[in-house]
Amino acid sequence: MRDYIEQRAVEIAQYIIDNHATVRQTAKKFGISKSTVHKDVTERLMVINQSLAKRARVVLDINKSERHIRGGMATKQKYLKAEQEHIQ
């Protein structure tokens, strides 16, 4: 594995842990795809640093379990905004 990929995987995992970031937030921050973030954290990092990979995985699992809540809140905000614009 190339050095820059290993370094990126470690930086991504540390960012996820420090910021409790989602895969989407991390991808946007690093300018890479969601697939790359996921592959770096779940596959590549296990070879490089297992303990860091496991800590990052905990955050990703929490985010995954909460995503339906965030999605519902986003939908609610969308309709509240549309309702306010309609009233004005």
N, C-alpha and C. Protein backbone atom coordinates (compact mmCIF):
# COMPACT_ATOMS: atom_id res chain seq x y z
N MET A 1 0.86 -1.18 0.00
CA MET A 1 0.00 0.00 0.00
C MET A 1 0.90 1.23 0.00
N ARG A 2 0.52 2.24 -0.73
CA ARG A 2 1.31 3.45 -0.82
C ARG A 2 1.25 4.24 0.48
N ASP A 3 2.34 4.94 0.75
CA ASP A 3 2.45 5.67 2.01
C ASP A 3 1.36 6.72 2.17
N TYR A 4 1.04 7.45 1.08
CA TYR A 4 0.04 8.51 1.20
C TYR A 4 -1.34 7.95 1.50
N ILE A 5 -1.62 6.75 1.02
CA ILE A 5 -2.92 6.12 1.31
C ILE A 5 -2.97 5.72 2.78
N GLU A 6 -1.89 5.17 3.28
CA GLU A 6 -1.83 4.80 4.69
C GLU A 6 -1.99 6.03 5.57
N GLN A 7 -1.30 7.10 5.22
CA GLN A 7 -1.39 8.33 6.00
C GLN A 7 -2.81 8.90 5.94
N ARG A 8 -3.42 8.87 4.76
CA ARG A 8 -4.79 9.37 4.61
C ARG A 8 -5.76 8.56 5.47
N ALA A 9 -5.60 7.26 5.48
CA ALA A 9 -6.49 6.39 6.26
C ALA A 9 -6.39 6.73 7.75
N VAL A 10 -5.20 6.96 8.23
CA VAL A 10 -5.00 7.31 9.64
C VAL A 10 -5.62 8.68 9.93
N GLU A 11 -5.39 9.65 9.04
CA GLU A 11 -5.94 11.00 9.23
C GLU A 11 -7.46 10.98 9.21
N ILE A 12 -8.03 10.20 8.31
CA ILE A 12 -9.48 10.09 8.21
C ILE A 12 -10.05 9.51 9.50
N ALA A 13 -9.46 8.44 9.96
CA ALA A 13 -9.94 7.80 11.19
C ALA A 13 -9.85 8.76 12.38
N GLN A 14 -8.75 9.46 12.48
CA GLN A 14 -8.58 10.41 13.58
C GLN A 14 -9.61 11.53 13.50
N TYR A 15 -9.90 12.00 12.29
CA TYR A 15 -10.91 13.04 12.09
C TYR A 15 -12.29 12.55 12.52
N ILE A 16 -12.62 11.33 12.13
CA ILE A 16 -13.92 10.74 12.49
C ILE A 16 -14.05 10.63 14.00
N ILE A 17 -13.00 10.16 14.65
CA ILE A 17 -13.03 9.98 16.10
C ILE A 17 -13.11 11.32 16.82
N ASP A 18 -12.28 12.27 16.42
CA ASP A 18 -12.22 13.57 17.09
C ASP A 18 -13.50 14.39 16.93
N ASN A 19 -14.13 14.28 15.75
CA ASN A 19 -15.28 15.12 15.44
C ASN A 19 -16.61 14.37 15.42
N HIS A 20 -16.57 13.08 15.71
CA HIS A 20 -17.77 12.23 15.60
C HIS A 20 -18.43 12.47 14.24
N ALA A 21 -17.59 12.53 13.22
CA ALA A 21 -18.02 12.88 11.88
C ALA A 21 -18.64 11.69 11.17
N THR A 22 -19.56 12.00 10.27
CA THR A 22 -20.16 10.98 9.43
C THR A 22 -19.25 10.73 8.23
N VAL A 23 -19.56 9.69 7.49
CA VAL A 23 -18.80 9.39 6.28
C VAL A 23 -18.93 10.54 5.29
N ARG A 24 -20.13 11.09 5.15
CA ARG A 24 -20.34 12.22 4.24
C ARG A 24 -19.53 13.44 4.64
N GLN A 25 -19.56 13.78 5.92
CA GLN A 25 -18.79 14.93 6.40
C GLN A 25 -17.30 14.73 6.17
N THR A 26 -16.83 13.53 6.42
CA THR A 26 -15.42 13.22 6.25
C THR A 26 -15.01 13.28 4.78
N ALA A 27 -15.85 12.73 3.92
CA ALA A 27 -15.56 12.76 2.48
C ALA A 27 -15.47 14.20 1.98
N LYS A 28 -16.38 15.02 2.42
CA LYS A 28 -16.37 16.43 2.01
C LYS A 28 -15.11 17.13 2.52
N LYS A 29 -14.75 16.89 3.77
CA LYS A 29 -13.58 17.52 4.39
C LYS A 29 -12.29 17.16 3.65
N PHE A 30 -12.15 15.89 3.26
CA PHE A 30 -10.92 15.43 2.63
C PHE A 30 -10.98 15.46 1.09
N GLY A 31 -12.13 15.80 0.53
CA GLY A 31 -12.26 15.88 -0.93
C GLY A 31 -12.15 14.54 -1.62
N ILE A 32 -12.71 13.51 -0.97
CA ILE A 32 -12.71 12.17 -1.55
C ILE A 32 -14.14 11.62 -1.50
N SER A 33 -14.34 10.47 -2.11
CA SER A 33 -15.68 9.88 -2.14
C SER A 33 -16.02 9.18 -0.83
N LYS A 34 -17.32 8.99 -0.62
CA LYS A 34 -17.78 8.26 0.57
C LYS A 34 -17.24 6.83 0.54
N SER A 35 -17.17 6.25 -0.64
CA SER A 35 -16.66 4.88 -0.78
C SER A 35 -15.21 4.78 -0.33
N THR A 36 -14.42 5.80 -0.67
CA THR A 36 -13.01 5.81 -0.29
C THR A 36 -12.87 5.93 1.22
N VAL A 37 -13.67 6.80 1.82
CA VAL A 37 -13.65 6.94 3.28
C VAL A 37 -13.96 5.60 3.93
N HIS A 38 -15.03 4.98 3.47
CA HIS A 38 -15.46 3.71 4.06
C HIS A 38 -14.39 2.64 3.89
N LYS A 39 -13.82 2.54 2.69
CA LYS A 39 -12.79 1.53 2.43
C LYS A 39 -11.54 1.80 3.27
N ASP A 40 -11.14 3.06 3.37
CA ASP A 40 -9.97 3.39 4.17
C ASP A 40 -10.15 2.98 5.62
N VAL A 41 -11.31 3.26 6.18
CA VAL A 41 -11.54 3.01 7.60
C VAL A 41 -11.82 1.53 7.89
N THR A 42 -12.58 0.88 7.04
CA THR A 42 -12.99 -0.50 7.36
C THR A 42 -12.01 -1.55 6.86
N GLU A 43 -11.28 -1.28 5.79
CA GLU A 43 -10.38 -2.30 5.24
C GLU A 43 -8.91 -1.94 5.42
N ARG A 44 -8.51 -0.82 4.85
CA ARG A 44 -7.09 -0.46 4.84
C ARG A 44 -6.55 -0.22 6.25
N LEU A 45 -7.32 0.45 7.06
CA LEU A 45 -6.85 0.81 8.39
C LEU A 45 -6.68 -0.42 9.29
N MET A 46 -7.43 -1.47 9.05
CA MET A 46 -7.29 -2.69 9.84
C MET A 46 -5.90 -3.29 9.68
N VAL A 47 -5.29 -3.10 8.52
CA VAL A 47 -3.95 -3.60 8.26
C VAL A 47 -2.91 -2.69 8.90
N ILE A 48 -3.20 -1.38 8.92
CA ILE A 48 -2.25 -0.37 9.39
C ILE A 48 -2.26 -0.25 10.91
N ASN A 49 -3.47 -0.08 11.48
CA ASN A 49 -3.59 0.19 12.92
C ASN A 49 -4.96 -0.30 13.39
N GLN A 50 -5.01 -1.52 13.89
CA GLN A 50 -6.28 -2.13 14.27
C GLN A 50 -7.01 -1.39 15.38
N SER A 51 -6.30 -0.91 16.36
CA SER A 51 -6.98 -0.24 17.48
C SER A 51 -7.63 1.06 17.02
N LEU A 52 -6.96 1.80 16.15
CA LEU A 52 -7.53 3.03 15.60
C LEU A 52 -8.74 2.71 14.73
N ALA A 53 -8.63 1.64 13.96
CA ALA A 53 -9.73 1.22 13.10
C ALA A 53 -10.96 0.86 13.93
N LYS A 54 -10.75 0.18 15.03
CA LYS A 54 -11.87 -0.21 15.88
C LYS A 54 -12.53 1.00 16.53
N ARG A 55 -11.71 1.98 16.96
CA ARG A 55 -12.27 3.20 17.56
C ARG A 55 -13.08 3.99 16.53
N ALA A 56 -12.58 4.07 15.31
CA ALA A 56 -13.31 4.78 14.25
C ALA A 56 -14.59 4.03 13.91
N ARG A 57 -14.52 2.73 13.93
CA ARG A 57 -15.69 1.91 13.61
C ARG A 57 -16.81 2.12 14.62
N VAL A 58 -16.47 2.31 15.87
CA VAL A 58 -17.47 2.58 16.91
C VAL A 58 -18.25 3.85 16.56
N VAL A 59 -17.53 4.90 16.17
CA VAL A 59 -18.20 6.16 15.81
C VAL A 59 -19.07 5.97 14.58
N LEU A 60 -18.57 5.25 13.58
CA LEU A 60 -19.36 5.02 12.37
C LEU A 60 -20.61 4.20 12.67
N ASP A 61 -20.50 3.23 13.56
CA ASP A 61 -21.67 2.43 13.93
C ASP A 61 -22.71 3.28 14.66
N ILE A 62 -22.26 4.18 15.53
CA ILE A 62 -23.19 5.09 16.21
C ILE A 62 -23.89 5.97 15.19
N ASN A 63 -23.11 6.55 14.27
CA ASN A 63 -23.69 7.40 13.23
C ASN A 63 -24.71 6.63 12.39
N LYS A 64 -24.39 5.40 12.08
CA LYS A 64 -25.31 4.58 11.27
C LYS A 64 -26.61 4.33 12.03
N SER A 65 -26.50 4.10 13.33
CA SER A 65 -27.71 3.82 14.11
C SER A 65 -28.57 5.07 14.29
N GLU A 66 -27.97 6.25 14.14
CA GLU A 66 -28.71 7.50 14.33
C GLU A 66 -29.16 8.16 13.02
N ARG A 67 -28.77 7.61 11.88
CA ARG A 67 -29.02 8.30 10.62
C ARG A 67 -30.51 8.47 10.31
N HIS A 68 -31.34 7.55 10.73
CA HIS A 68 -32.77 7.70 10.47
C HIS A 68 -33.34 8.89 11.24
N ILE A 69 -32.76 9.17 12.39
CA ILE A 69 -33.21 10.32 13.19
C ILE A 69 -32.81 11.62 12.49
N ARG A 70 -31.54 11.69 12.05
CA ARG A 70 -31.07 12.89 11.34
C ARG A 70 -31.87 13.10 10.05
N GLY A 71 -32.19 12.03 9.36
CA GLY A 71 -32.97 12.14 8.13
C GLY A 71 -34.36 12.68 8.41
N GLY A 72 -34.98 12.21 9.47
CA GLY A 72 -36.31 12.69 9.86
C GLY A 72 -36.28 14.16 10.24
N MET A 73 -35.22 14.56 10.94
CA MET A 73 -35.10 15.97 11.33
C MET A 73 -34.90 16.86 10.11
N ALA A 74 -34.13 16.40 9.14
CA ALA A 74 -33.90 17.18 7.93
C ALA A 74 -35.19 17.34 7.14
N THR A 75 -35.98 16.28 7.07
CA THR A 75 -37.26 16.35 6.37
C THR A 75 -38.20 17.31 7.07
N LYS A 76 -38.24 17.26 8.38
CA LYS A 76 -39.09 18.16 9.15
C LYS A 76 -38.69 19.61 8.88
N GLN A 77 -37.40 19.90 8.90
CA GLN A 77 -36.92 21.26 8.63
C GLN A 77 -37.29 21.71 7.22
N LYS A 78 -37.21 20.80 6.28
CA LYS A 78 -37.55 21.11 4.89
C LYS A 78 -39.00 21.56 4.78
N TYR A 79 -39.89 20.84 5.41
CA TYR A 79 -41.31 21.18 5.32
C TYR A 79 -41.66 22.42 6.14
N LEU A 80 -40.97 22.62 7.26
CA LEU A 80 -41.20 23.86 8.04
C LEU A 80 -40.76 25.07 7.24
N LYS A 81 -39.66 24.97 6.57
CA LYS A 81 -39.16 26.08 5.75
C LYS A 81 -40.13 26.36 4.58
N ALA A 82 -40.61 25.30 3.95
CA ALA A 82 -41.55 25.47 2.84
C ALA A 82 -42.86 26.10 3.34
N GLU A 83 -43.30 25.71 4.52
CA GLU A 83 -44.53 26.27 5.10
C GLU A 83 -44.33 27.75 5.41
N GLN A 84 -43.19 28.13 5.96
CA GLN A 84 -42.92 29.53 6.28
C GLN A 84 -42.85 30.38 5.00
N GLU A 85 -42.27 29.85 3.95
CA GLU A 85 -42.19 30.59 2.69
C GLU A 85 -43.57 30.75 2.08
N HIS A 86 -44.41 29.76 2.26
CA HIS A 86 -45.77 29.80 1.72
C HIS A 86 -46.61 30.87 2.44
N ILE A 87 -46.39 31.00 3.75
CA ILE A 87 -47.13 31.98 4.55
C ILE A 87 -46.73 33.39 4.16
N GLN A 88 -45.48 33.62 3.88
CA GLN A 88 -44.99 34.96 3.56
C GLN A 88 -45.37 35.28 2.18
